[in-house]
Amino acid sequence: MNSLLLAVSALVPAMIGPLPAEERTLTVTLCGSGKVIEIDLGDPAPVDGEGACHQSGCHAGCSRKKIDRGQ
């Protein structure tokens, strides 16, 4: 009975899951220089208007340079 209780108590953290994060910034330390970079995770980018990504610009597969294999 004690081994069953021990096994169930070991699985409690997996059943609960991670606690919600409250931080609004991502902090990264660079390996070589030790410099710390902070990225603000604030509000997501607006859907329309200033700073919005245009879908036609993201998938421009036909504008790639063609290689002339006859050379």
PDB file of N, CA and C in Angstrom:
ATOM      1  N   MET A   1       0.821  -1.193   0.000  1.00  0.00           N
ATOM      2  CA  MET A   1       0.000   0.000   0.000  1.00  0.00           C
ATOM      3  C   MET A   1       0.867   1.259   0.000  1.00  0.00           C
ATOM      4  N   ASN A   2       1.996   1.212   0.712  1.00  0.00           N
ATOM      5  CA  ASN A   2       2.880   2.375   0.761  1.00  0.00           C
ATOM      6  C   ASN A   2       3.481   2.674  -0.604  1.00  0.00           C
ATOM      7  N   SER A   3       3.801   1.644  -1.379  1.00  0.00           N
ATOM      8  CA  SER A   3       4.380   1.878  -2.709  1.00  0.00           C
ATOM      9  C   SER A   3       3.348   2.497  -3.647  1.00  0.00           C
ATOM     10  N   LEU A   4       2.082   2.129  -3.507  1.00  0.00           N
ATOM     11  CA  LEU A   4       1.022   2.725  -4.323  1.00  0.00           C
ATOM     12  C   LEU A   4       0.845   4.199  -3.962  1.00  0.00           C
ATOM     13  N   LEU A   5       0.861   4.511  -2.694  1.00  0.00           N
ATOM     14  CA  LEU A   5       0.739   5.895  -2.244  1.00  0.00           C
ATOM     15  C   LEU A   5       1.934   6.725  -2.722  1.00  0.00           C
ATOM     16  N   LEU A   6       3.114   6.153  -2.677  1.00  0.00           N
ATOM     17  CA  LEU A   6       4.312   6.836  -3.148  1.00  0.00           C
ATOM     18  C   LEU A   6       4.225   7.092  -4.656  1.00  0.00           C
ATOM     19  N   ALA A   7       3.756   6.117  -5.424  1.00  0.00           N
ATOM     20  CA  ALA A   7       3.642   6.269  -6.872  1.00  0.00           C
ATOM     21  C   ALA A   7       2.623   7.337  -7.234  1.00  0.00           C
ATOM     22  N   VAL A   8       1.486   7.350  -6.564  1.00  0.00           N
ATOM     23  CA  VAL A   8       0.454   8.351  -6.845  1.00  0.00           C
ATOM     24  C   VAL A   8       0.935   9.742  -6.454  1.00  0.00           C
ATOM     25  N   SER A   9       1.612   9.865  -5.315  1.00  0.00           N
ATOM     26  CA  SER A   9       2.104  11.179  -4.901  1.00  0.00           C
ATOM     27  C   SER A   9       3.210  11.683  -5.833  1.00  0.00           C
ATOM     28  N   ALA A  10       3.944  10.780  -6.471  1.00  0.00           N
ATOM     29  CA  ALA A  10       4.965  11.199  -7.428  1.00  0.00           C
ATOM     30  C   ALA A  10       4.336  11.710  -8.717  1.00  0.00           C
ATOM     31  N   LEU A  11       3.127  11.260  -9.040  1.00  0.00           N
ATOM     32  CA  LEU A  11       2.449  11.680 -10.265  1.00  0.00           C
ATOM     33  C   LEU A  11       1.598  12.937 -10.098  1.00  0.00           C
ATOM     34  N   VAL A  12       1.434  13.426  -8.888  1.00  0.00           N
ATOM     35  CA  VAL A  12       0.605  14.609  -8.643  1.00  0.00           C
ATOM     36  C   VAL A  12       1.106  15.827  -9.427  1.00  0.00           C
ATOM     37  N   PRO A  13       2.396  16.154  -9.461  1.00  0.00           N
ATOM     38  CA  PRO A  13       2.833  17.314 -10.258  1.00  0.00           C
ATOM     39  C   PRO A  13       2.527  17.157 -11.751  1.00  0.00           C
ATOM     40  N   ALA A  14       2.584  15.955 -12.278  1.00  0.00           N
ATOM     41  CA  ALA A  14       2.261  15.746 -13.684  1.00  0.00           C
ATOM     42  C   ALA A  14       0.764  15.918 -13.931  1.00  0.00           C
ATOM     43  N   MET A  15      -0.061  15.573 -12.966  1.00  0.00           N
ATOM     44  CA  MET A  15      -1.511  15.721 -13.120  1.00  0.00           C
ATOM     45  C   MET A  15      -1.941  17.180 -13.013  1.00  0.00           C
ATOM     46  N   ILE A  16      -1.257  17.952 -12.174  1.00  0.00           N
ATOM     47  CA  ILE A  16      -1.620  19.361 -11.996  1.00  0.00           C
ATOM     48  C   ILE A  16      -1.176  20.179 -13.197  1.00  0.00           C
ATOM     49  N   GLY A  17       0.011  19.930 -13.716  1.00  0.00           N
ATOM     50  CA  GLY A  17       0.528  20.678 -14.862  1.00  0.00           C
ATOM     51  C   GLY A  17       1.271  21.922 -14.420  1.00  0.00           C
ATOM     52  N   PRO A  18       1.830  22.650 -15.384  1.00  0.00           N
ATOM     53  CA  PRO A  18       2.597  23.855 -15.041  1.00  0.00           C
ATOM     54  C   PRO A  18       1.676  24.986 -14.580  1.00  0.00           C
ATOM     55  N   LEU A  19       2.180  25.806 -13.701  1.00  0.00           N
ATOM     56  CA  LEU A  19       1.428  26.961 -13.235  1.00  0.00           C
ATOM     57  C   LEU A  19       1.482  28.054 -14.294  1.00  0.00           C
ATOM     58  N   PRO A  20       0.466  28.889 -14.396  1.00  0.00           N
ATOM     59  CA  PRO A  20       0.463  29.943 -15.419  1.00  0.00           C
ATOM     60  C   PRO A  20       1.576  30.965 -15.177  1.00  0.00           C
ATOM     61  N   ALA A  21       2.201  31.386 -16.245  1.00  0.00           N
ATOM     62  CA  ALA A  21       3.294  32.357 -16.161  1.00  0.00           C
ATOM     63  C   ALA A  21       2.737  33.772 -16.131  1.00  0.00           C
ATOM     64  N   GLU A  22       3.291  34.602 -15.292  1.00  0.00           N
ATOM     65  CA  GLU A  22       2.845  35.985 -15.156  1.00  0.00           C
ATOM     66  C   GLU A  22       3.791  36.971 -15.839  1.00  0.00           C
ATOM     67  N   GLU A  23       4.950  36.530 -16.260  1.00  0.00           N
ATOM     68  CA  GLU A  23       5.938  37.430 -16.863  1.00  0.00           C
ATOM     69  C   GLU A  23       5.460  37.921 -18.220  1.00  0.00           C
ATOM     70  N   ARG A  24       5.811  39.150 -18.566  1.00  0.00           N
ATOM     71  CA  ARG A  24       5.449  39.738 -19.845  1.00  0.00           C
ATOM     72  C   ARG A  24       6.679  40.029 -20.695  1.00  0.00           C
ATOM     73  N   THR A  25       7.869  39.585 -20.263  1.00  0.00           N
ATOM     74  CA  THR A  25       9.092  39.776 -21.034  1.00  0.00           C
ATOM     75  C   THR A  25       9.837  38.456 -21.138  1.00  0.00           C
ATOM     76  N   LEU A  26      10.604  38.329 -22.209  1.00  0.00           N
ATOM     77  CA  LEU A  26      11.461  37.176 -22.422  1.00  0.00           C
ATOM     78  C   LEU A  26      12.898  37.655 -22.243  1.00  0.00           C
ATOM     79  N   THR A  27      13.626  37.078 -21.309  1.00  0.00           N
ATOM     80  CA  THR A  27      15.000  37.483 -21.021  1.00  0.00           C
ATOM     81  C   THR A  27      15.952  36.416 -21.524  1.00  0.00           C
ATOM     82  N   VAL A  28      16.896  36.833 -22.390  1.00  0.00           N
ATOM     83  CA  VAL A  28      17.849  35.914 -23.006  1.00  0.00           C
ATOM     84  C   VAL A  28      19.253  36.418 -22.748  1.00  0.00           C
ATOM     85  N   THR A  29      20.154  35.525 -22.344  1.00  0.00           N
ATOM     86  CA  THR A  29      21.562  35.872 -22.142  1.00  0.00           C
ATOM     87  C   THR A  29      22.381  35.293 -23.286  1.00  0.00           C
ATOM     88  N   LEU A  30      23.166  36.130 -23.944  1.00  0.00           N
ATOM     89  CA  LEU A  30      24.008  35.672 -25.048  1.00  0.00           C
ATOM     90  C   LEU A  30      25.222  34.944 -24.499  1.00  0.00           C
ATOM     91  N   CYS A  31      25.631  33.881 -25.179  1.00  0.00           N
ATOM     92  CA  CYS A  31      26.723  33.034 -24.681  1.00  0.00           C
ATOM     93  C   CYS A  31      28.077  33.735 -24.691  1.00  0.00           C
ATOM     94  N   GLY A  32      28.457  34.326 -25.807  1.00  0.00           N
ATOM     95  CA  GLY A  32      29.797  34.873 -25.944  1.00  0.00           C
ATOM     96  C   GLY A  32      30.059  36.094 -25.102  1.00  0.00           C
ATOM     97  N   SER A  33      29.152  37.063 -25.140  1.00  0.00           N
ATOM     98  CA  SER A  33      29.418  38.327 -24.464  1.00  0.00           C
ATOM     99  C   SER A  33      28.772  38.437 -23.094  1.00  0.00           C
ATOM    100  N   GLY A  34      27.814  37.610 -22.799  1.00  0.00           N
ATOM    101  CA  GLY A  34      27.112  37.693 -21.521  1.00  0.00           C
ATOM    102  C   GLY A  34      26.085  38.802 -21.491  1.00  0.00           C
ATOM    103  N   LYS A  35      25.829  39.417 -22.636  1.00  0.00           N
ATOM    104  CA  LYS A  35      24.862  40.501 -22.727  1.00  0.00           C
ATOM    105  C   LYS A  35      23.446  39.940 -22.536  1.00  0.00           C
ATOM    106  N   VAL A  36      22.600  40.684 -21.836  1.00  0.00           N
ATOM    107  CA  VAL A  36      21.225  40.268 -21.568  1.00  0.00           C
ATOM    108  C   VAL A  36      20.293  41.062 -22.469  1.00  0.00           C
ATOM    109  N   ILE A  37      19.417  40.340 -23.190  1.00  0.00           N
ATOM    110  CA  ILE A  37      18.441  40.960 -24.073  1.00  0.00           C
ATOM    111  C   ILE A  37      17.062  40.680 -23.498  1.00  0.00           C
ATOM    112  N   GLU A  38      16.236  41.726 -23.398  1.00  0.00           N
ATOM    113  CA  GLU A  38      14.860  41.563 -22.934  1.00  0.00           C
ATOM    114  C   GLU A  38      13.917  41.902 -24.074  1.00  0.00           C
ATOM    115  N   ILE A  39      12.988  40.991 -24.355  1.00  0.00           N
ATOM    116  CA  ILE A  39      12.007  41.171 -25.418  1.00  0.00           C
ATOM    117  C   ILE A  39      10.641  41.296 -24.757  1.00  0.00           C
ATOM    118  N   ASP A  40       9.950  42.403 -25.012  1.00  0.00           N
ATOM    119  CA  ASP A  40       8.631  42.633 -24.434  1.00  0.00           C
ATOM    120  C   ASP A  40       7.604  41.796 -25.189  1.00  0.00           C
ATOM    121  N   LEU A  41       6.832  40.990 -24.452  1.00  0.00           N
ATOM    122  CA  LEU A  41       5.831  40.127 -25.064  1.00  0.00           C
ATOM    123  C   LEU A  41       4.462  40.783 -25.091  1.00  0.00           C
ATOM    124  N   GLY A  42       4.305  41.969 -24.621  1.00  0.00           N
ATOM    125  CA  GLY A  42       3.083  42.763 -24.573  1.00  0.00           C
ATOM    126  C   GLY A  42       1.931  42.291 -25.439  1.00  0.00           C
ATOM    127  N   ASP A  43       1.235  43.214 -26.008  1.00  0.00           N
ATOM    128  CA  ASP A  43       0.076  42.898 -26.839  1.00  0.00           C
ATOM    129  C   ASP A  43       0.526  42.378 -28.200  1.00  0.00           C
ATOM    130  N   PRO A  44      -0.253  41.465 -28.808  1.00  0.00           N
ATOM    131  CA  PRO A  44       0.103  40.966 -30.133  1.00  0.00           C
ATOM    132  C   PRO A  44      -0.022  42.064 -31.185  1.00  0.00           C
ATOM    133  N   ALA A  45       0.588  41.844 -32.335  1.00  0.00           N
ATOM    134  CA  ALA A  45       0.545  42.820 -33.428  1.00  0.00           C
ATOM    135  C   ALA A  45      -0.896  43.004 -33.901  1.00  0.00           C
ATOM    136  N   PRO A  46      -1.260  44.218 -34.307  1.00  0.00           N
ATOM    137  CA  PRO A  46      -2.627  44.451 -34.778  1.00  0.00           C
ATOM    138  C   PRO A  46      -2.910  43.678 -36.063  1.00  0.00           C
ATOM    139  N   VAL A  47      -4.156  43.270 -36.229  1.00  0.00           N
ATOM    140  CA  VAL A  47      -4.539  42.501 -37.415  1.00  0.00           C
ATOM    141  C   VAL A  47      -4.580  43.398 -38.642  1.00  0.00           C
ATOM    142  N   ASP A  48      -5.160  44.570 -38.521  1.00  0.00           N
ATOM    143  CA  ASP A  48      -5.240  45.515 -39.637  1.00  0.00           C
ATOM    144  C   ASP A  48      -4.533  46.804 -39.254  1.00  0.00           C
ATOM    145  N   GLY A  49      -3.996  47.474 -40.245  1.00  0.00           N
ATOM    146  CA  GLY A  49      -3.390  48.770 -39.992  1.00  0.00           C
ATOM    147  C   GLY A  49      -1.882  48.703 -39.886  1.00  0.00           C
ATOM    148  N   GLU A  50      -1.323  49.596 -39.093  1.00  0.00           N
ATOM    149  CA  GLU A  50       0.119  49.748 -38.952  1.00  0.00           C
ATOM    150  C   GLU A  50       0.774  48.478 -38.420  1.00  0.00           C
ATOM    151  N   GLY A  51       1.783  47.988 -39.104  1.00  0.00           N
ATOM    152  CA  GLY A  51       2.552  46.847 -38.647  1.00  0.00           C
ATOM    153  C   GLY A  51       1.962  45.494 -38.988  1.00  0.00           C
ATOM    154  N   ALA A  52       0.846  45.461 -39.698  1.00  0.00           N
ATOM    155  CA  ALA A  52       0.243  44.176 -40.044  1.00  0.00           C
ATOM    156  C   ALA A  52       1.006  43.528 -41.192  1.00  0.00           C
ATOM    157  N   CYS A  53       1.120  42.223 -41.169  1.00  0.00           N
ATOM    158  CA  CYS A  53       1.815  41.482 -42.219  1.00  0.00           C
ATOM    159  C   CYS A  53       0.856  41.221 -43.378  1.00  0.00           C
ATOM    160  N   HIS A  54       1.286  41.515 -44.585  1.00  0.00           N
ATOM    161  CA  HIS A  54       0.469  41.233 -45.760  1.00  0.00           C
ATOM    162  C   HIS A  54       0.743  39.809 -46.212  1.00  0.00           C
ATOM    163  N   GLN A  55      -0.297  39.032 -46.397  1.00  0.00           N
ATOM    164  CA  GLN A  55      -0.158  37.621 -46.729  1.00  0.00           C
ATOM    165  C   GLN A  55       0.558  37.432 -48.066  1.00  0.00           C
ATOM    166  N   SER A  56       0.379  38.333 -49.018  1.00  0.00           N
ATOM    167  CA  SER A  56       1.027  38.163 -50.321  1.00  0.00           C
ATOM    168  C   SER A  56       2.545  38.313 -50.215  1.00  0.00           C
ATOM    169  N   GLY A  57       3.035  39.055 -49.242  1.00  0.00           N
ATOM    170  CA  GLY A  57       4.473  39.234 -49.071  1.00  0.00           C
ATOM    171  C   GLY A  57       5.144  38.073 -48.364  1.00  0.00           C
ATOM    172  N   CYS A  58       4.388  37.274 -47.646  1.00  0.00           N
ATOM    173  CA  CYS A  58       4.977  36.183 -46.881  1.00  0.00           C
ATOM    174  C   CYS A  58       5.255  34.936 -47.727  1.00  0.00           C
ATOM    175  N   HIS A  59       4.492  34.728 -48.769  1.00  0.00           N
ATOM    176  CA  HIS A  59       4.632  33.519 -49.578  1.00  0.00           C
ATOM    177  C   HIS A  59       4.908  33.899 -51.033  1.00  0.00           C
ATOM    178  N   ALA A  60       6.092  34.401 -51.296  1.00  0.00           N
ATOM    179  CA  ALA A  60       6.433  34.842 -52.648  1.00  0.00           C
ATOM    180  C   ALA A  60       7.306  33.790 -53.315  1.00  0.00           C
ATOM    181  N   GLY A  61       6.793  32.594 -53.538  1.00  0.00           N
ATOM    182  CA  GLY A  61       7.563  31.506 -54.113  1.00  0.00           C
ATOM    183  C   GLY A  61       7.873  31.690 -55.586  1.00  0.00           C
ATOM    184  N   CYS A  62       7.031  32.431 -56.309  1.00  0.00           N
ATOM    185  CA  CYS A  62       7.253  32.579 -57.744  1.00  0.00           C
ATOM    186  C   CYS A  62       8.275  33.660 -58.069  1.00  0.00           C
ATOM    187  N   SER A  63       8.714  34.451 -57.111  1.00  0.00           N
ATOM    188  CA  SER A  63       9.658  35.524 -57.394  1.00  0.00           C
ATOM    189  C   SER A  63      11.114  35.082 -57.195  1.00  0.00           C
ATOM    190  N   ARG A  64      11.343  33.799 -57.018  1.00  0.00           N
ATOM    191  CA  ARG A  64      12.716  33.312 -56.845  1.00  0.00           C
ATOM    192  C   ARG A  64      13.467  33.343 -58.167  1.00  0.00           C
ATOM    193  N   LYS A  65      14.764  33.539 -58.071  1.00  0.00           N
ATOM    194  CA  LYS A  65      15.596  33.610 -59.258  1.00  0.00           C
ATOM    195  C   LYS A  65      15.718  32.211 -59.874  1.00  0.00           C
ATOM    196  N   LYS A  66      15.524  32.125 -61.187  1.00  0.00           N
ATOM    197  CA  LYS A  66      15.638  30.860 -61.905  1.00  0.00           C
ATOM    198  C   LYS A  66      17.099  30.632 -62.286  1.00  0.00           C
ATOM    199  N   ILE A  67      17.580  29.414 -62.098  1.00  0.00           N
ATOM    200  CA  ILE A  67      18.953  29.061 -62.447  1.00  0.00           C
ATOM    201  C   ILE A  67      18.971  28.534 -63.874  1.00  0.00           C
ATOM    202  N   ASP A  68      19.832  29.110 -64.719  1.00  0.00           N
ATOM    203  CA  ASP A  68      19.972  28.669 -66.098  1.00  0.00           C
ATOM    204  C   ASP A  68      20.986  27.546 -66.123  1.00  0.00           C
ATOM    205  N   ARG A  69      20.533  26.314 -66.270  1.00  0.00           N
ATOM    206  CA  ARG A  69      21.414  25.147 -66.241  1.00  0.00           C
ATOM    207  C   ARG A  69      22.168  24.964 -67.562  1.00  0.00           C
ATOM    208  N   GLY A  70      21.847  25.731 -68.588  1.00  0.00           N
ATOM    209  CA  GLY A  70      22.541  25.619 -69.878  1.00  0.00           C
ATOM    210  C   GLY A  70      23.891  26.302 -69.881  1.00  0.00           C
ATOM    211  N   GLN A  71      24.249  27.012 -68.865  1.00  0.00           N
ATOM    212  CA  GLN A  71      25.524  27.722 -68.845  1.00  0.00           C
ATOM    213  C   GLN A  71      26.666  26.823 -68.467  1.00  0.00           C
TER     214      GLN A  71
END
